[in-house]
Amino acid sequence: APSSHLVLINRSMAYTSIGKYTLALNDADAVIKLQPTWSEGYYKKGVVLYEMQRYAESVSSYLDCLTINPSSSTSKKQLMMALHKLLKEDADQEHQLCTSATPGFIPCVSSKMETDKDQALLQCEASEYQFDTCKGKIQRIMKVDNEDSCKKFSRFNDNKSHSLPVCLFPPKIFQLKSASEPSLQGTEFNKNNEDSSSNSQIPPSQLDQCQPIILCDKTCCTPCIHLLKLEDLQCSLCFVLLFQPVVTPCGHTFCKECLVRTLDHNPKCPLCKTSLEQYIAEQNWAVVDSLQNIICTYFPEDYAKVEREHEELMKKFACKDRTCEIPVFVCTFACPTIRCPLHIFEPRYRLMVRRCLESGSNQFGMTIQEPNGNYPEFGCMLNIKTVQMLANGCSLLDTVGGRRFKVHSWESLDGYNTAFVSFFEDNPIDSVEREELLNLEREVYEKSKKWLKLLQPESVREITDHYGCLPKLSSTELDTPNGPAWVWWMITILPIDSKLQITAMSFKKLQQRLLFIKSAIDTIQSKLSS
């Protein structure tokens, strides 16, 4: 025999290609003996065993190969193929056992399990299928009550398609022997098993004491729908059918929005008061798909109703129409194109921001509160650019001003303000007044630059840190819906009353805003000089 492992492995490959698998396996074993730390030998052995349909041994050989060389992608692919074959063969075996078993009795299932005895882990080997061990485990051995069982399962007698296959064993714990042994405690499985009752060697005297072991198939997995109640799937916070259910680390289930809203006020489980600070920090609000599917399957109408209500709520955050209802954050002055960073910590506004993000609009209204407690007539939409969630559930928003709106009426929803508004923009610029407007813009821009140079360096640094530098003059911005960005920058930083800023934002002509800035700078300079 060749003493070179390279010669042996090449010959093993040659034998495999012509179908002489026994000789190929012998050469692969010889290679492993010569080079026990060479991964290629185990790989070739796995290939040969796979071709011989000895999938369990093939998997073992591939695992040995990957133990030596974990980065072998080829071995990983072959291992997946072998595992697929092995598991498929296992499933076919269990299905064959289920369908071939003799339904000697209608299965009798009691709700009480035997707790005073150790449960048996029954492992068997089917000789006709060349299994090392049977993967399926008998999960439960239930007590039998003949009278109750006949009543409970009388419906199966009326419909034979629902009868369940069973195997009968004496009521004691068995250690099932290998299939190589002649018998299996008096019960023997064969491949076809046309009549398993003829193979059973249980004496008739012990037949009454036998306990049926249910071999499950699809027909015995029918859920008990009549036991499923709508009340069992209601949220304990809103008392409505669970919508987007989530489970806390302590094991309680709530609607996603209900739980998050509760945690905005108190970082503890609403039921057991377990601390959920780590859960909040992780921000892992994953919906339980299995529970969601159960609700959608068995209570479709109720779930559709809850879903419609949620969709209607989300429509309020779309803000697509010229006139619509929008959520409003009453906090500070904001205007178009100007950055507005926010720290959201109040529970009501945390809820509002979550809904804005969930709806996909990523925007909300911003306005101020007047000293008398009233709200102004005009405001500006803020577009959310980035969101940084904090460990305590608060968030840092980076927003930029967008469309302007006029408020027609005020409402409230879940603690925060909403308003019915109409959006507006600048009037179109006539070709006749364009040149005059450009000259006025250049004049006011230069005046603004001179005024900024008169400010203290500390004040200029604070302004630029928060709002950035003065935007450049650009004639292309004249025809935009809100006009040049530098005009809004000046209106924001001018040390004037917020009412005047709101008034400037309400102007629909660029000329009005330019004259406003010019007048404000003149007034400020005159006060400083006096």
Protein backbone atom coordinates (compact mmCIF):
# COMPACT_ATOMS: atom_id res chain seq x y z
CA ALA A 1 0.00 0.00 0.00
CA PRO A 2 1.25 3.52 -0.70
CA SER A 3 2.87 5.26 2.28
CA SER A 4 2.31 8.78 0.97
CA HIS A 5 -0.84 10.47 2.22
CA LEU A 6 -0.98 12.53 -0.98
CA VAL A 7 -1.09 9.40 -3.13
CA LEU A 8 -3.74 7.85 -0.91
CA ILE A 9 -6.01 10.86 -0.95
CA ASN A 10 -5.76 11.21 -4.72
CA ARG A 11 -6.61 7.53 -5.11
CA SER A 12 -9.52 7.94 -2.74
CA MET A 13 -10.83 10.72 -4.96
CA ALA A 14 -10.41 8.54 -8.01
CA TYR A 15 -12.29 5.64 -6.39
CA THR A 16 -15.09 8.05 -5.40
CA SER A 17 -15.47 9.32 -8.94
CA ILE A 18 -15.99 5.80 -10.32
CA GLY A 19 -18.33 4.73 -7.52
CA LYS A 20 -15.99 2.40 -5.58
CA TYR A 21 -16.86 3.92 -2.25
CA THR A 22 -15.61 1.14 0.01
CA LEU A 23 -12.10 1.38 -1.45
CA ALA A 24 -12.29 5.18 -1.31
CA LEU A 25 -13.26 5.04 2.37
CA ASN A 26 -10.36 2.70 3.16
CA ASP A 27 -7.89 5.11 1.56
CA ALA A 28 -9.44 8.06 3.44
CA ASP A 29 -9.06 6.21 6.75
CA ALA A 30 -5.45 5.43 5.85
CA VAL A 31 -4.80 9.14 5.19
CA ILE A 32 -6.19 10.06 8.62
CA LYS A 33 -3.94 7.49 10.30
CA LEU A 34 -0.88 8.87 8.51
CA GLN A 35 -1.78 12.53 9.02
CA PRO A 36 -4.26 12.84 11.93
CA THR A 37 -3.92 16.64 12.05
CA TRP A 38 -4.53 17.18 8.34
CA SER A 39 -8.06 18.48 7.74
CA GLU A 40 -8.17 17.31 4.13
CA GLY A 41 -8.29 13.67 5.16
CA TYR A 42 -11.41 14.18 7.25
CA TYR A 43 -13.00 16.22 4.47
CA LYS A 44 -12.46 13.46 1.86
CA LYS A 45 -13.81 10.88 4.29
CA GLY A 46 -16.92 13.00 4.78
CA VAL A 47 -17.41 13.21 1.01
CA VAL A 48 -17.20 9.43 0.62
CA LEU A 49 -19.60 8.79 3.51
CA TYR A 50 -22.04 11.31 2.04
CA GLU A 51 -22.01 9.43 -1.27
CA MET A 52 -22.61 6.21 0.64
CA GLN A 53 -25.67 7.88 2.26
CA ARG A 54 -24.16 7.45 5.71
CA TYR A 55 -25.07 11.00 6.63
CA ALA A 56 -24.55 10.85 10.40
CA GLU A 57 -20.96 9.63 9.98
CA SER A 58 -20.45 12.19 7.22
CA VAL A 59 -21.51 15.01 9.56
CA SER A 60 -19.08 13.75 12.21
CA SER A 61 -16.22 13.70 9.72
CA TYR A 62 -16.96 17.23 8.48
CA LEU A 63 -17.04 18.45 12.08
CA ASP A 64 -13.60 16.91 12.66
CA CYS A 65 -12.39 18.75 9.58
CA LEU A 66 -13.77 22.07 10.79
CA THR A 67 -12.26 21.54 14.23
CA ILE A 68 -8.83 21.53 12.61
CA ASN A 69 -9.61 24.15 9.95
CA PRO A 70 -12.58 26.32 11.02
CA SER A 71 -12.20 28.64 8.01
CA SER A 72 -12.91 25.96 5.40
CA SER A 73 -15.95 27.27 3.52
CA THR A 74 -16.18 24.13 1.39
CA SER A 75 -16.44 21.94 4.47
CA LYS A 76 -19.15 24.18 5.88
CA LYS A 77 -21.22 23.86 2.71
CA GLN A 78 -20.83 20.08 2.66
CA LEU A 79 -21.74 19.92 6.35
CA MET A 80 -24.96 21.83 5.67
CA MET A 81 -25.87 19.42 2.88
CA ALA A 82 -25.21 16.39 5.09
CA LEU A 83 -27.23 17.85 7.96
CA HIS A 84 -30.10 18.57 5.59
CA LYS A 85 -30.13 14.98 4.40
CA LEU A 86 -29.89 13.65 7.95
CA LEU A 87 -32.73 15.77 9.29
CA LYS A 88 -34.91 15.06 6.26
CA GLU A 89 -34.34 11.34 6.74
CA ASP A 90 -35.21 11.76 10.43
CA ALA A 91 -38.45 13.56 9.59
CA ASP A 92 -39.40 10.93 7.04
CA GLN A 93 -38.72 8.22 9.62
CA GLU A 94 -40.94 9.82 12.25
CA HIS A 95 -43.72 10.43 9.72
CA GLN A 96 -43.53 6.79 8.63
CA LEU A 97 -43.74 5.61 12.23
CA CYS A 98 -46.73 7.87 12.86
CA THR A 99 -48.68 6.87 9.81
CA SER A 100 -47.91 3.16 10.07
CA ALA A 101 -48.76 2.75 13.76
CA THR A 102 -51.99 0.84 14.41
CA PRO A 103 -54.76 2.99 15.87
CA GLY A 104 -55.85 0.26 18.25
CA PHE A 105 -57.64 2.63 20.55
CA ILE A 106 -58.86 6.19 20.34
CA PRO A 107 -56.15 8.13 22.26
CA CYS A 108 -57.15 9.14 25.74
CA VAL A 109 -55.56 12.32 27.05
CA SER A 110 -55.92 13.52 30.60
CA SER A 111 -55.01 17.00 31.79
CA LYS A 112 -52.94 15.59 34.68
CA MET A 113 -49.43 14.30 34.13
CA GLU A 114 -47.65 11.76 36.23
CA THR A 115 -45.49 13.70 38.65
CA ASP A 116 -44.63 11.01 41.18
CA LYS A 117 -42.53 9.04 38.69
CA ASP A 118 -39.53 9.95 36.63
CA GLN A 119 -40.46 10.50 33.01
CA ALA A 120 -38.85 8.09 30.62
CA LEU A 121 -36.69 9.31 27.78
CA LEU A 122 -37.41 6.70 25.17
CA GLN A 123 -34.75 6.26 22.51
CA CYS A 124 -35.01 3.63 19.86
CA GLU A 125 -33.28 2.57 16.68
CA ALA A 126 -35.01 1.56 13.47
CA SER A 127 -32.93 -1.14 11.84
CA GLU A 128 -34.49 -0.82 8.41
CA TYR A 129 -33.43 2.86 8.26
CA GLN A 130 -29.87 2.42 9.58
CA PHE A 131 -30.40 4.96 12.37
CA ASP A 132 -27.93 5.16 15.27
CA THR A 133 -30.64 6.58 17.51
CA CYS A 134 -34.17 7.74 16.93
CA LYS A 135 -34.24 11.54 17.25
CA GLY A 136 -37.85 11.76 18.20
CA LYS A 137 -38.61 11.56 21.92
CA ILE A 138 -41.86 10.48 23.41
CA GLN A 139 -42.80 13.65 25.31
CA ARG A 140 -45.68 12.65 27.46
CA ILE A 141 -47.15 9.45 28.86
CA MET A 142 -50.62 10.35 29.99
CA LYS A 143 -52.96 8.55 32.36
CA VAL A 144 -55.97 6.93 30.86
CA ASP A 145 -59.56 7.21 31.98
CA ASN A 146 -61.57 4.97 29.71
CA GLU A 147 -64.94 6.47 30.51
CA ASP A 148 -63.88 10.10 30.16
CA SER A 149 -61.76 9.39 27.13
CA CYS A 150 -64.64 7.89 25.19
CA LYS A 151 -66.69 11.03 25.82
CA LYS A 152 -63.88 13.49 25.17
CA PHE A 153 -62.89 11.95 21.90
CA SER A 154 -66.24 10.73 20.64
CA ARG A 155 -66.00 13.34 17.90
CA PHE A 156 -63.04 11.48 16.45
CA ASN A 157 -65.21 8.40 15.94
CA ASP A 158 -67.52 10.45 13.74
CA ASN A 159 -64.69 11.57 11.52
CA LYS A 160 -62.01 8.99 10.84
CA SER A 161 -59.71 11.55 9.29
CA HIS A 162 -59.19 12.99 12.78
CA SER A 163 -58.31 9.74 14.51
CA LEU A 164 -54.82 9.71 15.95
CA PRO A 165 -52.33 6.85 15.56
CA VAL A 166 -51.15 5.33 18.82
CA CYS A 167 -48.83 2.59 20.06
CA LEU A 168 -49.58 0.57 23.17
CA PHE A 169 -47.00 -0.17 25.88
CA PRO A 170 -47.36 -1.67 29.35
CA PRO A 171 -47.56 0.97 32.10
CA LYS A 172 -43.96 0.84 33.25
CA ILE A 173 -40.80 2.62 32.21
CA PHE A 174 -38.99 0.90 29.37
CA GLN A 175 -35.39 1.15 28.25
CA LEU A 176 -35.75 0.52 24.54
CA LYS A 177 -33.01 -1.67 23.15
CA SER A 178 -30.97 -1.29 20.02
CA ALA A 179 -32.56 -2.36 16.75
CA SER A 180 -29.77 -4.88 16.35
CA GLU A 181 -31.31 -6.83 19.21
CA PRO A 182 -34.08 -9.26 18.30
CA SER A 183 -36.93 -7.64 20.24
CA LEU A 184 -38.05 -4.34 21.65
CA GLN A 185 -39.76 -5.28 24.90
CA GLY A 186 -42.20 -7.35 22.95
CA THR A 187 -42.96 -4.58 20.45
CA GLU A 188 -41.17 -4.39 17.13
CA PHE A 189 -41.24 -1.73 14.43
CA ASN A 190 -40.71 -2.69 10.84
CA LYS A 191 -40.45 -0.58 7.73
CA ASN A 192 -43.84 -1.25 6.22
CA ASN A 193 -45.69 -2.22 9.39
CA GLU A 194 -48.90 -3.03 7.56
CA ASP A 195 -50.34 -4.49 10.72
CA SER A 196 -48.46 -3.49 13.83
CA SER A 197 -51.06 -5.21 16.02
CA SER A 198 -49.83 -8.55 14.69
CA ASN A 199 -46.27 -7.63 15.73
CA SER A 200 -47.27 -6.64 19.23
CA GLN A 201 -46.46 -9.33 21.76
CA ILE A 202 -48.32 -7.78 24.69
CA PRO A 203 -50.40 -10.43 26.46
CA PRO A 204 -54.17 -9.82 26.29
CA SER A 205 -54.33 -9.78 30.09
CA GLN A 206 -52.15 -6.68 30.17
CA LEU A 207 -54.01 -4.91 27.41
CA ASP A 208 -56.35 -3.07 29.77
CA GLN A 209 -53.37 -1.71 31.70
CA CYS A 210 -51.65 -0.43 28.63
CA GLN A 211 -51.17 3.30 28.20
CA PRO A 212 -51.40 4.80 24.71
CA ILE A 213 -48.43 6.82 23.48
CA ILE A 214 -49.62 9.39 20.96
CA LEU A 215 -47.44 9.66 17.88
CA CYS A 216 -48.16 13.19 16.72
CA ASP A 217 -48.99 14.13 13.20
CA LYS A 218 -50.64 17.24 11.75
CA THR A 219 -54.13 16.07 12.66
CA CYS A 220 -53.41 15.94 16.38
CA CYS A 221 -51.99 19.47 16.49
CA THR A 222 -55.33 21.18 15.96
CA PRO A 223 -55.54 24.09 18.45
CA CYS A 224 -58.38 24.22 20.94
CA ILE A 225 -59.95 27.35 19.51
CA HIS A 226 -62.93 27.19 21.84
CA LEU A 227 -60.58 27.72 24.79
CA LEU A 228 -59.12 30.90 23.27
CA LYS A 229 -60.88 34.00 24.58
CA LEU A 230 -60.55 37.61 23.54
CA GLU A 231 -60.18 38.66 27.17
CA ASP A 232 -57.00 36.59 27.46
CA LEU A 233 -55.36 38.67 24.71
CA GLN A 234 -56.23 42.11 26.00
CA CYS A 235 -53.64 44.62 27.16
CA SER A 236 -53.78 45.13 30.93
CA LEU A 237 -53.14 48.86 30.46
CA CYS A 238 -55.63 49.92 27.78
CA PHE A 239 -58.00 46.91 28.10
CA VAL A 240 -58.10 46.59 24.31
CA LEU A 241 -56.89 43.74 22.12
CA LEU A 242 -53.08 43.66 22.11
CA PHE A 243 -51.62 45.71 19.26
CA GLN A 244 -47.95 45.16 18.43
CA PRO A 245 -47.46 43.07 21.62
CA VAL A 246 -44.11 43.23 23.42
CA VAL A 247 -42.91 41.18 26.38
CA THR A 248 -40.90 42.69 29.22
CA PRO A 249 -37.90 40.88 30.75
CA CYS A 250 -40.14 40.06 33.73
CA GLY A 251 -42.54 38.20 31.43
CA HIS A 252 -45.53 40.54 31.14
CA THR A 253 -47.15 41.42 27.81
CA PHE A 254 -48.48 44.83 26.78
CA CYS A 255 -49.19 46.85 23.67
CA LYS A 256 -45.96 48.42 22.50
CA GLU A 257 -47.23 52.00 22.75
CA CYS A 258 -48.94 51.41 26.09
CA LEU A 259 -45.75 50.05 27.65
CA VAL A 260 -43.49 52.80 26.30
CA ARG A 261 -45.90 55.51 27.41
CA THR A 262 -46.00 54.03 30.90
CA LEU A 263 -42.21 53.84 31.05
CA ASP A 264 -42.04 57.54 30.13
CA HIS A 265 -43.44 58.24 33.60
CA ASN A 266 -42.00 55.36 35.65
CA PRO A 267 -39.19 52.97 34.58
CA LYS A 268 -40.86 49.95 36.24
CA CYS A 269 -43.13 47.17 35.06
CA PRO A 270 -46.75 48.34 35.45
CA LEU A 271 -47.75 44.97 36.99
CA CYS A 272 -44.92 43.62 39.12
CA LYS A 273 -42.92 46.87 39.55
CA THR A 274 -39.67 45.26 38.42
CA SER A 275 -37.09 47.83 37.35
CA LEU A 276 -36.86 48.08 33.55
CA GLU A 277 -34.09 50.67 33.32
CA GLN A 278 -31.81 48.33 31.39
CA TYR A 279 -34.70 47.39 29.09
CA ILE A 280 -35.32 51.09 28.39
CA ALA A 281 -31.63 51.71 27.73
CA GLU A 282 -31.50 48.93 25.14
CA GLN A 283 -34.53 50.37 23.29
CA ASN A 284 -35.43 46.87 22.11
CA TRP A 285 -39.17 47.10 21.53
CA ALA A 286 -39.36 43.92 19.44
CA VAL A 287 -42.89 42.77 18.67
CA VAL A 288 -43.64 39.11 19.55
CA ASP A 289 -44.44 37.69 16.11
CA SER A 290 -45.94 34.44 17.41
CA LEU A 291 -48.49 36.24 19.58
CA GLN A 292 -49.19 38.75 16.83
CA ASN A 293 -49.93 35.91 14.40
CA ILE A 294 -52.29 34.22 16.86
CA ILE A 295 -54.26 37.45 17.30
CA CYS A 296 -54.42 38.13 13.55
CA THR A 297 -55.48 34.54 12.83
CA TYR A 298 -58.20 33.99 15.42
CA PHE A 299 -59.45 37.54 16.00
CA PRO A 300 -59.05 39.18 12.58
CA GLU A 301 -62.02 41.56 12.88
CA ASP A 302 -61.05 42.87 16.31
CA TYR A 303 -57.45 43.28 15.27
CA ALA A 304 -58.45 45.08 12.06
CA LYS A 305 -60.49 47.55 14.13
CA VAL A 306 -57.53 48.34 16.40
CA GLU A 307 -55.23 48.63 13.39
CA ARG A 308 -57.59 51.08 11.66
CA GLU A 309 -57.67 53.28 14.75
CA HIS A 310 -53.87 53.28 14.83
CA GLU A 311 -53.65 54.16 11.13
CA GLU A 312 -56.10 57.03 11.58
CA LEU A 313 -53.94 58.38 14.38
CA MET A 314 -50.82 58.15 12.22
CA LYS A 315 -52.54 60.10 9.43
CA LYS A 316 -52.59 63.14 11.71
CA PHE A 317 -48.79 63.14 11.56
CA ALA A 318 -48.48 62.90 7.77
CA CYS A 319 -48.90 66.69 7.23
CA LYS A 320 -49.15 66.23 3.46
CA ASP A 321 -52.11 68.50 2.71
CA ARG A 322 -52.11 72.29 2.58
CA THR A 323 -54.62 72.27 5.42
CA CYS A 324 -54.40 69.58 8.11
CA GLU A 325 -54.08 68.83 11.81
CA ILE A 326 -50.52 68.71 13.15
CA PRO A 327 -48.83 68.02 16.52
CA VAL A 328 -47.31 71.18 18.01
CA PHE A 329 -44.41 71.52 20.42
CA VAL A 330 -44.85 74.73 22.42
CA CYS A 331 -41.31 75.67 23.35
CA THR A 332 -39.25 78.22 21.39
CA PHE A 333 -39.15 80.35 18.25
CA ALA A 334 -38.26 78.49 15.07
CA CYS A 335 -38.15 79.65 11.47
CA PRO A 336 -37.37 78.14 8.05
CA THR A 337 -33.85 76.81 7.24
CA ILE A 338 -32.56 77.45 10.78
CA ARG A 339 -31.22 74.62 12.92
CA CYS A 340 -33.08 73.98 16.19
CA PRO A 341 -31.56 71.37 18.57
CA LEU A 342 -33.97 70.00 21.18
CA HIS A 343 -33.79 67.90 24.34
CA ILE A 344 -37.03 65.93 24.64
CA PHE A 345 -37.66 64.84 28.23
CA GLU A 346 -41.33 65.52 29.03
CA PRO A 347 -43.42 62.32 28.68
CA ARG A 348 -46.05 63.98 26.49
CA TYR A 349 -43.47 65.23 23.99
CA ARG A 350 -41.58 61.94 24.07
CA LEU A 351 -44.84 60.33 22.95
CA MET A 352 -45.35 62.98 20.27
CA VAL A 353 -41.84 62.52 18.83
CA ARG A 354 -42.22 58.72 18.77
CA ARG A 355 -45.42 59.02 16.80
CA CYS A 356 -43.82 61.46 14.36
CA LEU A 357 -41.01 59.00 13.74
CA GLU A 358 -43.33 56.00 13.51
CA SER A 359 -45.60 57.71 10.99
CA GLY A 360 -42.63 58.48 8.75
CA SER A 361 -43.36 62.22 8.53
CA ASN A 362 -40.45 63.09 10.87
CA GLN A 363 -41.85 66.57 11.46
CA PHE A 364 -43.94 68.53 13.93
CA GLY A 365 -44.95 72.15 14.53
CA MET A 366 -43.05 74.54 16.78
CA THR A 367 -44.28 77.78 18.34
CA ILE A 368 -43.91 79.79 21.53
CA GLN A 369 -46.27 80.64 24.38
CA GLU A 370 -47.10 84.27 24.91
CA PRO A 371 -46.74 85.87 28.36
CA ASN A 372 -50.51 85.92 28.77
CA GLY A 373 -50.66 82.15 28.24
CA ASN A 374 -52.08 82.29 24.72
CA TYR A 375 -50.50 80.76 21.67
CA PRO A 376 -49.47 82.84 18.63
CA GLU A 377 -51.25 82.60 15.31
CA PHE A 378 -48.17 81.54 13.33
CA GLY A 379 -45.53 78.85 13.66
CA CYS A 380 -43.00 76.76 11.76
CA MET A 381 -42.63 73.05 11.06
CA LEU A 382 -39.45 71.36 12.27
CA ASN A 383 -37.99 68.49 10.23
CA ILE A 384 -36.17 65.87 12.33
CA LYS A 385 -32.72 65.16 10.90
CA THR A 386 -31.13 63.00 13.58
CA VAL A 387 -32.32 61.36 16.81
CA GLN A 388 -30.08 60.30 19.68
CA MET A 389 -31.88 58.13 22.22
CA LEU A 390 -30.61 58.38 25.80
CA ALA A 391 -30.49 55.54 28.31
CA ASN A 392 -33.32 57.04 30.39
CA GLY A 393 -35.72 57.16 27.43
CA CYS A 394 -35.22 60.86 26.64
CA SER A 395 -33.86 61.94 23.27
CA LEU A 396 -31.75 64.62 21.61
CA LEU A 397 -33.14 65.90 18.32
CA ASP A 398 -31.38 67.82 15.61
CA THR A 399 -34.09 69.62 13.64
CA VAL A 400 -34.27 72.22 10.87
CA GLY A 401 -37.09 74.66 10.21
CA GLY A 402 -39.35 73.94 7.24
CA ARG A 403 -42.78 75.17 6.17
CA ARG A 404 -44.61 78.03 7.89
CA PHE A 405 -48.20 77.66 9.02
CA LYS A 406 -51.13 79.69 10.29
CA VAL A 407 -53.18 78.27 13.17
CA HIS A 408 -56.97 78.17 12.81
CA SER A 409 -57.84 76.24 15.99
CA TRP A 410 -56.15 74.47 18.89
CA GLU A 411 -56.80 70.99 20.32
CA SER A 412 -54.99 68.52 22.56
CA LEU A 413 -54.17 64.82 22.24
CA ASP A 414 -52.72 62.61 24.98
CA GLY A 415 -51.31 65.65 26.78
CA TYR A 416 -49.62 67.50 23.91
CA ASN A 417 -51.08 70.23 21.70
CA THR A 418 -52.42 69.79 18.19
CA ALA A 419 -53.57 72.50 15.81
CA PHE A 420 -55.62 72.70 12.65
CA VAL A 421 -53.38 74.75 10.36
CA SER A 422 -52.89 75.90 6.78
CA PHE A 423 -49.41 76.16 5.28
CA PHE A 424 -48.30 79.24 3.36
CA GLU A 425 -45.26 80.52 1.47
CA ASP A 426 -43.95 83.73 -0.10
CA ASN A 427 -45.78 85.41 -2.91
CA PRO A 428 -44.14 85.15 -6.35
CA ILE A 429 -41.75 87.99 -7.25
CA ASP A 430 -42.72 90.12 -10.24
CA SER A 431 -40.09 90.72 -12.89
CA VAL A 432 -40.63 94.47 -12.50
CA GLU A 433 -39.65 94.56 -8.81
CA ARG A 434 -36.90 91.90 -8.98
CA GLU A 435 -34.04 94.32 -9.64
CA GLU A 436 -35.20 96.68 -6.90
CA LEU A 437 -35.50 93.75 -4.51
CA LEU A 438 -31.96 92.54 -5.31
CA ASN A 439 -30.53 95.99 -4.53
CA LEU A 440 -32.45 96.14 -1.25
CA GLU A 441 -31.20 92.65 -0.31
CA ARG A 442 -27.54 93.60 -0.92
CA GLU A 443 -27.98 96.78 1.12
CA VAL A 444 -29.51 95.01 4.12
CA TYR A 445 -26.98 92.17 3.91
CA GLU A 446 -24.03 94.60 4.14
CA LYS A 447 -25.73 96.45 6.97
CA SER A 448 -26.15 93.16 8.86
CA LYS A 449 -22.48 92.26 8.43
CA LYS A 450 -21.39 95.63 9.80
CA TRP A 451 -23.69 95.25 12.79
CA LEU A 452 -22.26 91.80 13.56
CA LYS A 453 -18.74 93.24 13.62
CA LEU A 454 -19.81 95.65 16.36
CA LEU A 455 -20.83 92.81 18.68
CA GLN A 456 -18.59 91.43 21.40
CA PRO A 457 -16.46 88.43 20.32
CA GLU A 458 -18.08 86.28 23.01
CA SER A 459 -21.55 87.06 21.68
CA VAL A 460 -20.52 86.29 18.10
CA ARG A 461 -18.99 82.99 19.21
CA GLU A 462 -22.18 81.95 21.03
CA ILE A 463 -24.27 82.80 17.97
CA THR A 464 -22.05 80.89 15.55
CA ASP A 465 -21.81 77.87 17.89
CA HIS A 466 -25.57 77.57 18.01
CA TYR A 467 -26.76 78.77 14.60
CA GLY A 468 -23.62 78.67 12.47
CA CYS A 469 -22.12 81.54 10.49
CA LEU A 470 -24.10 84.09 8.50
CA PRO A 471 -25.23 82.34 5.28
CA LYS A 472 -23.86 83.71 2.01
CA LEU A 473 -25.87 85.94 -0.26
CA SER A 474 -27.42 84.01 -3.15
CA SER A 475 -29.74 85.38 -5.83
CA THR A 476 -31.05 81.86 -6.55
CA GLU A 477 -32.89 81.80 -3.20
CA LEU A 478 -35.23 84.63 -4.11
CA ASP A 479 -37.76 82.29 -5.71
CA THR A 480 -37.75 79.64 -2.97
CA PRO A 481 -40.98 79.22 -0.91
CA ASN A 482 -39.45 80.90 2.15
CA GLY A 483 -36.84 83.21 0.58
CA PRO A 484 -33.09 83.54 1.36
CA ALA A 485 -31.71 81.63 4.37
CA TRP A 486 -29.61 84.55 5.63
CA VAL A 487 -32.78 86.62 6.24
CA TRP A 488 -34.14 83.98 8.64
CA TRP A 489 -30.73 83.71 10.30
CA MET A 490 -30.79 87.45 11.04
CA ILE A 491 -34.41 87.38 12.30
CA THR A 492 -33.46 84.56 14.70
CA ILE A 493 -30.37 86.21 16.26
CA LEU A 494 -31.67 89.77 16.52
CA PRO A 495 -32.19 90.74 20.20
CA ILE A 496 -35.87 91.56 19.76
CA ASP A 497 -39.11 90.40 21.34
CA SER A 498 -40.43 87.01 20.21
CA LYS A 499 -43.71 88.63 19.17
CA LEU A 500 -41.81 90.71 16.60
CA GLN A 501 -40.06 87.58 15.34
CA ILE A 502 -43.42 85.86 14.88
CA THR A 503 -44.68 88.93 13.04
CA ALA A 504 -41.69 88.84 10.68
CA MET A 505 -42.31 85.16 10.01
CA SER A 506 -45.91 85.89 9.01
CA PHE A 507 -44.83 88.17 6.15
CA LYS A 508 -45.43 86.71 2.70
CA LYS A 509 -43.12 89.14 0.93
CA LEU A 510 -39.32 89.15 1.11
CA GLN A 511 -39.30 92.96 0.85
CA GLN A 512 -41.26 93.21 4.12
CA ARG A 513 -38.73 91.03 5.98
CA LEU A 514 -35.76 92.98 4.58
CA LEU A 515 -37.25 96.27 5.71
CA PHE A 516 -38.01 94.70 9.09
CA ILE A 517 -34.35 93.69 9.58
CA LYS A 518 -33.13 97.11 8.46
CA SER A 519 -35.47 98.85 10.89
CA ALA A 520 -34.54 96.54 13.77
CA ILE A 521 -30.79 97.13 13.30
CA ASP A 522 -31.33 100.90 13.15
CA THR A 523 -33.37 100.78 16.36
CA ILE A 524 -30.75 98.66 18.19
CA GLN A 525 -27.89 100.93 17.10
CA SER A 526 -29.75 104.07 18.11
CA LYS A 527 -30.37 102.67 21.58
CA LEU A 528 -26.69 101.75 21.97
CA SER A 529 -25.49 105.17 20.82
CA SER A 530 -27.83 106.94 23.22
